[in-house]
Amino acid sequence: MARYVYFPKRNTSPSPLASKEMKGSLFTIQPMNQRQKKSWRKS
């Protein structure tokens, strides 16, 4: 949940490195969300 809070701060930063970090974090969050959905289905 903490990562979601950092997104707006990274969005405001115009540096290209920040945009790459945003993309990287998005890719890491997507599989995590999928795992959460699977765990929800099991429960």
N, C-alpha and C. Protein backbone atom coordinates (compact mmCIF):
# COMPACT_ATOMS: atom_id res chain seq x y z
N MET A 1 0.84 -1.21 0.00
CA MET A 1 0.00 0.00 0.00
C MET A 1 0.88 1.26 0.00
N ALA A 2 2.03 1.16 0.63
CA ALA A 2 2.91 2.34 0.74
C ALA A 2 3.36 2.80 -0.65
N ARG A 3 3.55 1.85 -1.56
CA ARG A 3 4.03 2.23 -2.90
C ARG A 3 3.01 3.13 -3.60
N TYR A 4 1.73 2.86 -3.39
CA TYR A 4 0.71 3.68 -4.05
C TYR A 4 0.82 5.14 -3.62
N VAL A 5 1.23 5.38 -2.37
CA VAL A 5 1.35 6.75 -1.87
C VAL A 5 2.48 7.48 -2.58
N TYR A 6 3.53 6.76 -2.95
CA TYR A 6 4.68 7.39 -3.60
C TYR A 6 4.42 7.74 -5.06
N PHE A 7 3.41 7.12 -5.66
CA PHE A 7 3.16 7.36 -7.09
C PHE A 7 2.94 8.83 -7.42
N PRO A 8 2.06 9.56 -6.71
CA PRO A 8 1.84 10.97 -7.05
C PRO A 8 3.13 11.79 -6.96
N LYS A 9 3.98 11.51 -5.98
CA LYS A 9 5.23 12.26 -5.85
C LYS A 9 6.12 12.00 -7.06
N ARG A 10 6.21 10.75 -7.49
CA ARG A 10 7.06 10.43 -8.65
C ARG A 10 6.45 11.02 -9.93
N ASN A 11 5.14 11.12 -9.98
CA ASN A 11 4.47 11.67 -11.16
C ASN A 11 4.85 13.13 -11.35
N THR A 12 5.00 13.87 -10.26
CA THR A 12 5.30 15.30 -10.36
C THR A 12 6.74 15.52 -10.82
N SER A 13 7.64 14.58 -10.56
CA SER A 13 9.04 14.74 -10.97
C SER A 13 9.17 14.55 -12.48
N PRO A 14 9.71 15.56 -13.19
CA PRO A 14 9.79 15.52 -14.66
C PRO A 14 11.00 14.74 -15.18
N SER A 15 11.90 14.32 -14.28
CA SER A 15 13.12 13.64 -14.72
C SER A 15 12.78 12.33 -15.43
N PRO A 16 13.49 11.98 -16.52
CA PRO A 16 13.23 10.74 -17.26
C PRO A 16 13.49 9.50 -16.41
N LEU A 17 14.45 9.60 -15.49
CA LEU A 17 14.74 8.46 -14.62
C LEU A 17 13.52 8.13 -13.78
N ALA A 18 12.81 9.15 -13.33
CA ALA A 18 11.62 8.93 -12.50
C ALA A 18 10.56 8.18 -13.31
N SER A 19 10.41 8.55 -14.58
CA SER A 19 9.41 7.87 -15.41
C SER A 19 9.78 6.40 -15.58
N LYS A 20 11.07 6.11 -15.71
CA LYS A 20 11.50 4.71 -15.82
C LYS A 20 11.19 3.97 -14.53
N GLU A 21 11.41 4.62 -13.39
CA GLU A 21 11.11 3.99 -12.10
C GLU A 21 9.61 3.73 -12.01
N MET A 22 8.80 4.67 -12.49
CA MET A 22 7.35 4.50 -12.46
C MET A 22 6.98 3.25 -13.26
N LYS A 23 7.54 3.12 -14.46
CA LYS A 23 7.23 1.95 -15.29
C LYS A 23 7.66 0.67 -14.58
N GLY A 24 8.84 0.69 -13.99
CA GLY A 24 9.34 -0.50 -13.28
C GLY A 24 8.43 -0.87 -12.12
N SER A 25 8.01 0.15 -11.35
CA SER A 25 7.14 -0.14 -10.20
C SER A 25 5.79 -0.64 -10.68
N LEU A 26 5.32 -0.10 -11.82
CA LEU A 26 4.03 -0.56 -12.36
C LEU A 26 4.11 -2.04 -12.70
N PHE A 27 5.23 -2.44 -13.33
CA PHE A 27 5.38 -3.85 -13.71
C PHE A 27 5.43 -4.75 -12.48
N THR A 28 6.04 -4.26 -11.39
CA THR A 28 6.13 -5.08 -10.18
C THR A 28 4.78 -5.13 -9.47
N ILE A 29 4.00 -4.05 -9.58
CA ILE A 29 2.70 -4.01 -8.87
C ILE A 29 1.68 -4.90 -9.59
N GLN A 30 1.73 -4.95 -10.93
CA GLN A 30 0.75 -5.74 -11.68
C GLN A 30 0.74 -7.21 -11.26
N PRO A 31 1.90 -7.91 -11.24
CA PRO A 31 1.89 -9.32 -10.82
C PRO A 31 1.44 -9.46 -9.36
N MET A 32 1.78 -8.47 -8.52
CA MET A 32 1.35 -8.55 -7.12
C MET A 32 -0.17 -8.50 -7.04
N ASN A 33 -0.79 -7.64 -7.85
CA ASN A 33 -2.25 -7.56 -7.85
C ASN A 33 -2.85 -8.88 -8.32
N GLN A 34 -2.23 -9.50 -9.32
CA GLN A 34 -2.73 -10.79 -9.82
C GLN A 34 -2.66 -11.83 -8.72
N ARG A 35 -1.57 -11.83 -7.96
CA ARG A 35 -1.44 -12.81 -6.86
C ARG A 35 -2.53 -12.56 -5.82
N GLN A 36 -2.80 -11.29 -5.53
CA GLN A 36 -3.83 -10.95 -4.56
C GLN A 36 -5.18 -11.47 -5.04
N LYS A 37 -5.49 -11.30 -6.33
CA LYS A 37 -6.76 -11.78 -6.88
C LYS A 37 -6.86 -13.30 -6.72
N LYS A 38 -5.76 -14.00 -6.99
CA LYS A 38 -5.77 -15.46 -6.86
C LYS A 38 -6.02 -15.85 -5.41
N SER A 39 -5.37 -15.15 -4.48
CA SER A 39 -5.56 -15.47 -3.06
C SER A 39 -7.01 -15.18 -2.65
N TRP A 40 -7.59 -14.11 -3.22
CA TRP A 40 -8.98 -13.79 -2.91
C TRP A 40 -9.89 -14.92 -3.40
N ARG A 41 -9.62 -15.43 -4.58
CA ARG A 41 -10.46 -16.51 -5.13
C ARG A 41 -10.37 -17.74 -4.24
N LYS A 42 -9.17 -18.05 -3.75
CA LYS A 42 -9.00 -19.22 -2.88
C LYS A 42 -9.83 -19.05 -1.60
N SER A 43 -9.79 -17.85 -1.03
CA SER A 43 -10.52 -17.60 0.22
C SER A 43 -12.00 -17.39 -0.11
